[in-house]
Amino acid sequence: MRIDARIIALLLLAFAAGPALAQPSGEDQAPASRQERLTSADSYLPLPTLSAGVLQRYATNGTIVVDMGLDIPDETLRRRAQASVPRLRDALRTALATYASTYYRDRTAPDPTQLTRLMQQAVDRVLGAPGARVLLANIIYQRRHN
């Protein structure tokens, strides 16, 4: 049985080209970060998801969950905010808990205007100056099942 030299050359070429075809062309692409999924603006500072229990009549009726970030056009203020993320998280979590236990009423839609006002006051207090805008991406109320 005689194998043609052209077939062997073709098989060797296909074998050598296999790994080269499997690699992506150009640069390796990392998965998009949370910031890149929401916006491509450099002034946007994403913050972790916050949640607070809805307490009414000495019982937990559910949980409010908020996804948000800050739009800070001023670079100096943005660096201060990045350095103060733990303090911002604490102040925002406190503002959300205040909203959930004082302003929110069970089985109603959360009020984004009231929630944004409370969170904006907390951000301005932590940063010591206005200039950072609170941007809400999601507000979810998860009712407790009895």
N, C-alpha and C. Protein backbone atom coordinates (compact mmCIF):
# COMPACT_ATOMS: atom_id res chain seq x y z
N MET A 1 0.84 -1.17 0.00
CA MET A 1 0.00 0.00 0.00
C MET A 1 0.89 1.24 0.00
N ARG A 2 0.69 2.05 -0.99
CA ARG A 2 1.53 3.22 -1.15
C ARG A 2 0.71 4.47 -0.87
N ILE A 3 1.23 5.35 0.01
CA ILE A 3 0.54 6.59 0.37
C ILE A 3 1.17 7.72 -0.43
N ASP A 4 0.32 8.47 -1.04
CA ASP A 4 0.78 9.58 -1.86
C ASP A 4 1.42 10.65 -0.98
N ALA A 5 2.51 11.25 -1.42
CA ALA A 5 3.24 12.27 -0.67
C ALA A 5 2.37 13.52 -0.47
N ARG A 6 1.47 13.78 -1.41
CA ARG A 6 0.60 14.94 -1.28
C ARG A 6 -0.38 14.78 -0.12
N ILE A 7 -0.86 13.56 0.10
CA ILE A 7 -1.79 13.30 1.21
C ILE A 7 -1.06 13.46 2.53
N ILE A 8 0.15 12.97 2.62
CA ILE A 8 0.93 13.09 3.86
C ILE A 8 1.21 14.58 4.15
N ALA A 9 1.58 15.33 3.13
CA ALA A 9 1.86 16.75 3.31
C ALA A 9 0.60 17.49 3.76
N LEU A 10 -0.54 17.13 3.18
CA LEU A 10 -1.81 17.76 3.56
C LEU A 10 -2.18 17.43 5.01
N LEU A 11 -1.98 16.18 5.42
CA LEU A 11 -2.26 15.79 6.81
C LEU A 11 -1.33 16.50 7.80
N LEU A 12 -0.05 16.62 7.46
CA LEU A 12 0.89 17.34 8.33
C LEU A 12 0.52 18.81 8.44
N LEU A 13 0.12 19.39 7.32
CA LEU A 13 -0.29 20.80 7.34
C LEU A 13 -1.53 21.00 8.20
N ALA A 14 -2.51 20.11 8.09
CA ALA A 14 -3.73 20.20 8.89
C ALA A 14 -3.42 19.98 10.37
N PHE A 15 -2.52 19.05 10.67
CA PHE A 15 -2.15 18.79 12.06
C PHE A 15 -1.44 19.99 12.68
N ALA A 16 -0.56 20.65 11.92
CA ALA A 16 0.18 21.81 12.42
C ALA A 16 -0.72 23.04 12.53
N ALA A 17 -1.70 23.17 11.66
CA ALA A 17 -2.56 24.36 11.67
C ALA A 17 -3.65 24.28 12.72
N GLY A 18 -3.94 23.12 13.26
CA GLY A 18 -5.01 22.95 14.25
C GLY A 18 -4.86 23.85 15.47
N PRO A 19 -3.72 23.83 16.20
CA PRO A 19 -3.57 24.70 17.37
C PRO A 19 -3.60 26.18 17.01
N ALA A 20 -3.08 26.56 15.86
CA ALA A 20 -3.09 27.96 15.47
C ALA A 20 -4.51 28.45 15.21
N LEU A 21 -5.34 27.59 14.68
CA LEU A 21 -6.72 27.98 14.41
C LEU A 21 -7.55 28.05 15.69
N ALA A 22 -7.16 27.30 16.71
CA ALA A 22 -7.93 27.27 17.96
C ALA A 22 -7.70 28.51 18.81
N GLN A 23 -6.57 29.21 18.63
CA GLN A 23 -6.29 30.40 19.43
C GLN A 23 -7.07 31.58 18.88
N PRO A 24 -7.59 32.47 19.76
CA PRO A 24 -8.32 33.64 19.28
C PRO A 24 -7.38 34.61 18.58
N SER A 25 -7.90 35.28 17.59
CA SER A 25 -7.09 36.27 16.89
C SER A 25 -7.03 37.54 17.72
N GLY A 26 -5.92 38.24 17.62
CA GLY A 26 -5.77 39.49 18.36
C GLY A 26 -5.49 39.23 19.83
N GLU A 27 -5.86 40.19 20.66
CA GLU A 27 -5.61 40.10 22.10
C GLU A 27 -6.62 39.18 22.77
N ASP A 28 -6.18 38.58 23.87
CA ASP A 28 -7.12 37.78 24.66
C ASP A 28 -8.10 38.72 25.33
N GLN A 29 -9.39 38.38 25.28
CA GLN A 29 -10.40 39.24 25.86
C GLN A 29 -10.87 38.66 27.19
N ALA A 30 -10.71 39.46 28.23
CA ALA A 30 -11.21 39.08 29.55
C ALA A 30 -12.71 39.36 29.60
N PRO A 31 -13.43 38.65 30.46
CA PRO A 31 -14.86 38.96 30.58
C PRO A 31 -15.06 40.39 31.04
N ALA A 32 -16.15 40.99 30.59
CA ALA A 32 -16.44 42.39 30.93
C ALA A 32 -16.65 42.54 32.43
N SER A 33 -16.07 43.61 32.97
CA SER A 33 -16.28 43.89 34.38
C SER A 33 -17.69 44.45 34.57
N ARG A 34 -18.10 44.58 35.81
CA ARG A 34 -19.44 45.11 36.10
C ARG A 34 -19.59 46.53 35.55
N GLN A 35 -18.52 47.34 35.66
CA GLN A 35 -18.57 48.70 35.16
C GLN A 35 -18.74 48.72 33.64
N GLU A 36 -18.03 47.86 32.92
CA GLU A 36 -18.12 47.83 31.47
C GLU A 36 -19.50 47.38 31.01
N ARG A 37 -20.18 46.55 31.80
CA ARG A 37 -21.51 46.11 31.41
C ARG A 37 -22.52 47.24 31.56
N LEU A 38 -22.35 48.12 32.55
CA LEU A 38 -23.30 49.20 32.78
C LEU A 38 -23.00 50.42 31.93
N THR A 39 -21.74 50.81 31.85
CA THR A 39 -21.36 52.00 31.10
C THR A 39 -19.87 51.95 30.81
N SER A 40 -19.46 52.66 29.80
CA SER A 40 -18.04 52.73 29.48
C SER A 40 -17.42 54.04 29.98
N ALA A 41 -18.19 54.85 30.69
CA ALA A 41 -17.70 56.14 31.18
C ALA A 41 -16.65 55.95 32.27
N ASP A 42 -15.57 56.71 32.16
CA ASP A 42 -14.51 56.66 33.18
C ASP A 42 -14.97 57.28 34.50
N SER A 43 -15.99 58.14 34.43
CA SER A 43 -16.45 58.83 35.64
C SER A 43 -17.36 57.96 36.51
N TYR A 44 -17.71 56.76 36.03
CA TYR A 44 -18.64 55.89 36.77
C TYR A 44 -17.87 55.01 37.75
N LEU A 45 -18.30 55.02 39.00
CA LEU A 45 -17.71 54.18 40.05
C LEU A 45 -18.77 53.17 40.49
N PRO A 46 -18.65 51.90 40.07
CA PRO A 46 -19.64 50.91 40.50
C PRO A 46 -19.47 50.57 41.97
N LEU A 47 -20.58 50.30 42.63
CA LEU A 47 -20.56 49.91 44.03
C LEU A 47 -21.20 48.54 44.17
N PRO A 48 -20.87 47.81 45.23
CA PRO A 48 -21.45 46.48 45.40
C PRO A 48 -22.96 46.54 45.66
N THR A 49 -23.62 45.44 45.39
CA THR A 49 -25.05 45.33 45.64
C THR A 49 -25.32 45.48 47.14
N LEU A 50 -26.32 46.28 47.47
CA LEU A 50 -26.70 46.51 48.87
C LEU A 50 -28.07 45.91 49.13
N SER A 51 -28.30 45.47 50.36
CA SER A 51 -29.63 44.95 50.72
C SER A 51 -29.94 45.33 52.16
N ALA A 52 -31.24 45.43 52.43
CA ALA A 52 -31.70 45.77 53.79
C ALA A 52 -33.04 45.09 54.02
N GLY A 53 -33.26 44.67 55.24
CA GLY A 53 -34.53 44.05 55.60
C GLY A 53 -35.62 45.08 55.82
N VAL A 54 -36.82 44.73 55.39
CA VAL A 54 -37.99 45.59 55.61
C VAL A 54 -38.61 45.17 56.93
N LEU A 55 -38.47 46.02 57.95
CA LEU A 55 -38.96 45.72 59.28
C LEU A 55 -40.22 46.53 59.56
N GLN A 56 -41.31 45.84 59.82
CA GLN A 56 -42.54 46.51 60.19
C GLN A 56 -43.27 45.64 61.21
N ARG A 57 -43.73 46.29 62.26
CA ARG A 57 -44.43 45.61 63.35
C ARG A 57 -43.58 44.47 63.94
N TYR A 58 -42.32 44.79 64.18
CA TYR A 58 -41.40 43.87 64.85
C TYR A 58 -41.17 42.58 64.08
N ALA A 59 -41.36 42.59 62.78
CA ALA A 59 -41.13 41.40 61.96
C ALA A 59 -40.47 41.81 60.64
N THR A 60 -39.73 40.89 60.07
CA THR A 60 -39.12 41.11 58.77
C THR A 60 -40.10 40.66 57.70
N ASN A 61 -40.54 41.60 56.87
CA ASN A 61 -41.50 41.27 55.82
C ASN A 61 -40.84 40.96 54.49
N GLY A 62 -39.59 41.33 54.32
CA GLY A 62 -38.90 41.10 53.05
C GLY A 62 -37.57 41.81 53.03
N THR A 63 -37.02 41.92 51.83
CA THR A 63 -35.70 42.53 51.64
C THR A 63 -35.73 43.43 50.43
N ILE A 64 -35.11 44.59 50.55
CA ILE A 64 -34.92 45.47 49.40
C ILE A 64 -33.46 45.34 48.96
N VAL A 65 -33.26 45.10 47.67
CA VAL A 65 -31.93 44.93 47.09
C VAL A 65 -31.72 46.04 46.07
N VAL A 66 -30.56 46.71 46.12
CA VAL A 66 -30.27 47.84 45.24
C VAL A 66 -28.92 47.64 44.57
N ASP A 67 -28.90 47.79 43.23
CA ASP A 67 -27.65 47.85 42.46
C ASP A 67 -27.47 49.30 42.06
N MET A 68 -26.27 49.82 42.27
CA MET A 68 -26.06 51.25 42.02
C MET A 68 -24.61 51.55 41.77
N GLY A 69 -24.36 52.81 41.45
CA GLY A 69 -23.02 53.32 41.28
C GLY A 69 -23.04 54.82 41.43
N LEU A 70 -21.87 55.42 41.29
CA LEU A 70 -21.75 56.88 41.40
C LEU A 70 -21.15 57.44 40.13
N ASP A 71 -21.69 58.54 39.65
CA ASP A 71 -21.11 59.26 38.53
C ASP A 71 -20.37 60.46 39.10
N ILE A 72 -19.03 60.45 38.95
CA ILE A 72 -18.20 61.49 39.54
C ILE A 72 -17.29 62.06 38.45
N PRO A 73 -17.71 63.14 37.79
CA PRO A 73 -16.90 63.72 36.71
C PRO A 73 -15.56 64.29 37.19
N ASP A 74 -15.51 64.86 38.40
CA ASP A 74 -14.29 65.46 38.93
C ASP A 74 -13.31 64.35 39.34
N GLU A 75 -12.12 64.34 38.74
CA GLU A 75 -11.15 63.27 38.98
C GLU A 75 -10.65 63.25 40.43
N THR A 76 -10.44 64.41 41.02
CA THR A 76 -9.98 64.47 42.41
C THR A 76 -11.02 63.88 43.36
N LEU A 77 -12.27 64.25 43.14
CA LEU A 77 -13.36 63.73 43.98
C LEU A 77 -13.53 62.22 43.75
N ARG A 78 -13.33 61.78 42.50
CA ARG A 78 -13.46 60.34 42.19
C ARG A 78 -12.38 59.54 42.91
N ARG A 79 -11.14 60.06 42.95
CA ARG A 79 -10.07 59.37 43.69
C ARG A 79 -10.39 59.31 45.18
N ARG A 80 -10.95 60.42 45.71
CA ARG A 80 -11.35 60.42 47.12
C ARG A 80 -12.44 59.38 47.37
N ALA A 81 -13.38 59.28 46.44
CA ALA A 81 -14.47 58.30 46.58
C ALA A 81 -13.92 56.87 46.51
N GLN A 82 -12.98 56.61 45.61
CA GLN A 82 -12.39 55.27 45.50
C GLN A 82 -11.65 54.89 46.77
N ALA A 83 -11.00 55.87 47.39
CA ALA A 83 -10.30 55.61 48.64
C ALA A 83 -11.27 55.44 49.81
N SER A 84 -12.49 55.96 49.65
CA SER A 84 -13.49 55.93 50.73
C SER A 84 -14.59 54.91 50.50
N VAL A 85 -14.37 53.93 49.64
CA VAL A 85 -15.42 52.96 49.32
C VAL A 85 -15.97 52.26 50.56
N PRO A 86 -15.16 51.83 51.53
CA PRO A 86 -15.75 51.19 52.72
C PRO A 86 -16.68 52.14 53.49
N ARG A 87 -16.30 53.40 53.62
CA ARG A 87 -17.16 54.37 54.31
C ARG A 87 -18.42 54.66 53.50
N LEU A 88 -18.28 54.73 52.17
CA LEU A 88 -19.44 54.94 51.31
C LEU A 88 -20.42 53.77 51.43
N ARG A 89 -19.88 52.55 51.39
CA ARG A 89 -20.73 51.36 51.53
C ARG A 89 -21.50 51.39 52.83
N ASP A 90 -20.83 51.74 53.91
CA ASP A 90 -21.49 51.80 55.21
C ASP A 90 -22.59 52.86 55.23
N ALA A 91 -22.29 54.05 54.71
CA ALA A 91 -23.28 55.13 54.71
C ALA A 91 -24.47 54.78 53.81
N LEU A 92 -24.20 54.17 52.66
CA LEU A 92 -25.29 53.79 51.75
C LEU A 92 -26.14 52.66 52.32
N ARG A 93 -25.49 51.72 53.00
CA ARG A 93 -26.24 50.63 53.63
C ARG A 93 -27.14 51.18 54.74
N THR A 94 -26.63 52.16 55.49
CA THR A 94 -27.43 52.80 56.54
C THR A 94 -28.61 53.55 55.93
N ALA A 95 -28.38 54.27 54.83
CA ALA A 95 -29.46 55.00 54.16
C ALA A 95 -30.51 54.03 53.63
N LEU A 96 -30.09 52.90 53.07
CA LEU A 96 -31.04 51.90 52.57
C LEU A 96 -31.83 51.29 53.72
N ALA A 97 -31.16 51.00 54.84
CA ALA A 97 -31.87 50.45 56.00
C ALA A 97 -32.87 51.46 56.56
N THR A 98 -32.51 52.73 56.57
CA THR A 98 -33.44 53.77 57.01
C THR A 98 -34.65 53.82 56.11
N TYR A 99 -34.42 53.77 54.80
CA TYR A 99 -35.54 53.78 53.86
C TYR A 99 -36.43 52.55 54.06
N ALA A 100 -35.80 51.37 54.18
CA ALA A 100 -36.55 50.13 54.28
C ALA A 100 -37.39 50.05 55.55
N SER A 101 -36.90 50.62 56.65
CA SER A 101 -37.63 50.49 57.91
C SER A 101 -38.52 51.69 58.23
N THR A 102 -38.28 52.84 57.59
CA THR A 102 -39.03 54.05 57.91
C THR A 102 -39.98 54.48 56.79
N TYR A 103 -39.48 54.54 55.57
CA TYR A 103 -40.25 55.12 54.47
C TYR A 103 -41.02 54.08 53.64
N TYR A 104 -40.48 52.88 53.52
CA TYR A 104 -41.10 51.88 52.65
C TYR A 104 -42.29 51.20 53.34
N ARG A 105 -43.35 50.99 52.59
CA ARG A 105 -44.53 50.26 53.08
C ARG A 105 -44.64 48.96 52.32
N ASP A 106 -44.86 47.89 53.06
CA ASP A 106 -44.93 46.55 52.49
C ASP A 106 -45.97 46.47 51.37
N ARG A 107 -45.64 45.70 50.34
CA ARG A 107 -46.51 45.44 49.19
C ARG A 107 -46.75 46.67 48.33
N THR A 108 -45.84 47.62 48.36
CA THR A 108 -45.90 48.77 47.45
C THR A 108 -44.60 48.80 46.66
N ALA A 109 -44.60 49.53 45.56
CA ALA A 109 -43.38 49.69 44.77
C ALA A 109 -42.43 50.62 45.51
N PRO A 110 -41.14 50.29 45.57
CA PRO A 110 -40.18 51.20 46.19
C PRO A 110 -40.14 52.54 45.45
N ASP A 111 -39.93 53.61 46.18
CA ASP A 111 -39.89 54.96 45.61
C ASP A 111 -38.44 55.33 45.30
N PRO A 112 -38.04 55.30 44.03
CA PRO A 112 -36.64 55.59 43.70
C PRO A 112 -36.24 57.03 44.02
N THR A 113 -37.18 57.97 43.96
CA THR A 113 -36.86 59.36 44.26
C THR A 113 -36.47 59.54 45.72
N GLN A 114 -37.25 58.98 46.61
CA GLN A 114 -36.97 59.06 48.05
C GLN A 114 -35.68 58.33 48.39
N LEU A 115 -35.49 57.14 47.82
CA LEU A 115 -34.30 56.35 48.09
C LEU A 115 -33.05 57.07 47.56
N THR A 116 -33.12 57.64 46.37
CA THR A 116 -31.99 58.37 45.81
C THR A 116 -31.65 59.59 46.66
N ARG A 117 -32.66 60.29 47.17
CA ARG A 117 -32.42 61.46 48.02
C ARG A 117 -31.66 61.08 49.28
N LEU A 118 -32.08 60.01 49.93
CA LEU A 118 -31.39 59.55 51.15
C LEU A 118 -29.95 59.11 50.85
N MET A 119 -29.78 58.40 49.76
CA MET A 119 -28.43 57.93 49.40
C MET A 119 -27.54 59.08 48.97
N GLN A 120 -28.10 60.05 48.26
CA GLN A 120 -27.31 61.21 47.83
C GLN A 120 -26.82 62.00 49.03
N GLN A 121 -27.67 62.18 50.03
CA GLN A 121 -27.26 62.87 51.25
C GLN A 121 -26.12 62.12 51.94
N ALA A 122 -26.19 60.80 51.97
CA ALA A 122 -25.15 59.99 52.60
C ALA A 122 -23.82 60.12 51.84
N VAL A 123 -23.86 60.08 50.52
CA VAL A 123 -22.64 60.21 49.71
C VAL A 123 -22.01 61.58 49.90
N ASP A 124 -22.82 62.64 49.86
CA ASP A 124 -22.29 63.99 50.04
C ASP A 124 -21.66 64.17 51.42
N ARG A 125 -22.27 63.54 52.42
CA ARG A 125 -21.74 63.64 53.79
C ARG A 125 -20.38 62.94 53.88
N VAL A 126 -20.25 61.76 53.28
CA VAL A 126 -18.98 61.01 53.37
C VAL A 126 -17.88 61.72 52.58
N LEU A 127 -18.19 62.20 51.37
CA LEU A 127 -17.16 62.83 50.54
C LEU A 127 -16.85 64.26 50.97
N GLY A 128 -17.75 64.88 51.72
CA GLY A 128 -17.51 66.22 52.21
C GLY A 128 -17.77 67.31 51.20
N ALA A 129 -18.26 66.95 50.02
CA ALA A 129 -18.55 67.95 48.98
C ALA A 129 -19.53 67.35 47.98
N PRO A 130 -20.36 68.19 47.38
CA PRO A 130 -21.22 67.68 46.31
C PRO A 130 -20.39 67.43 45.05
N GLY A 131 -20.95 66.71 44.11
CA GLY A 131 -20.24 66.45 42.85
C GLY A 131 -20.34 65.01 42.41
N ALA A 132 -20.75 64.13 43.31
CA ALA A 132 -20.96 62.72 42.97
C ALA A 132 -22.47 62.50 42.87
N ARG A 133 -22.90 61.93 41.76
CA ARG A 133 -24.34 61.68 41.57
C ARG A 133 -24.64 60.21 41.76
N VAL A 134 -25.65 59.91 42.56
CA VAL A 134 -26.09 58.54 42.79
C VAL A 134 -26.91 58.08 41.59
N LEU A 135 -26.53 56.94 41.02
CA LEU A 135 -27.26 56.35 39.89
C LEU A 135 -27.74 54.96 40.28
N LEU A 136 -29.05 54.78 40.33
CA LEU A 136 -29.62 53.47 40.67
C LEU A 136 -29.79 52.65 39.41
N ALA A 137 -29.33 51.41 39.43
CA ALA A 137 -29.49 50.51 38.28
C ALA A 137 -30.69 49.59 38.48
N ASN A 138 -30.88 49.08 39.69
CA ASN A 138 -31.97 48.16 40.02
C ASN A 138 -32.45 48.39 41.44
N ILE A 139 -33.75 48.28 41.63
CA ILE A 139 -34.33 48.23 42.97
C ILE A 139 -35.28 47.04 42.96
N ILE A 140 -35.02 46.10 43.83
CA ILE A 140 -35.84 44.89 43.88
C ILE A 140 -36.36 44.70 45.29
N TYR A 141 -37.65 44.40 45.41
CA TYR A 141 -38.23 44.05 46.70
C TYR A 141 -38.56 42.57 46.67
N GLN A 142 -37.96 41.83 47.59
CA GLN A 142 -38.21 40.40 47.70
C GLN A 142 -39.05 40.18 48.95
N ARG A 143 -40.28 39.79 48.73
CA ARG A 143 -41.20 39.60 49.85
C ARG A 143 -40.95 38.25 50.51
N ARG A 144 -41.02 38.23 51.80
CA ARG A 144 -40.79 37.00 52.57
C ARG A 144 -42.01 36.10 52.44
N HIS A 145 -41.75 34.83 52.20
CA HIS A 145 -42.83 33.85 52.09
C HIS A 145 -43.10 33.24 53.46
N ASN A 146 -44.35 33.23 53.87
CA ASN A 146 -44.72 32.67 55.17
C ASN A 146 -45.08 31.21 55.05
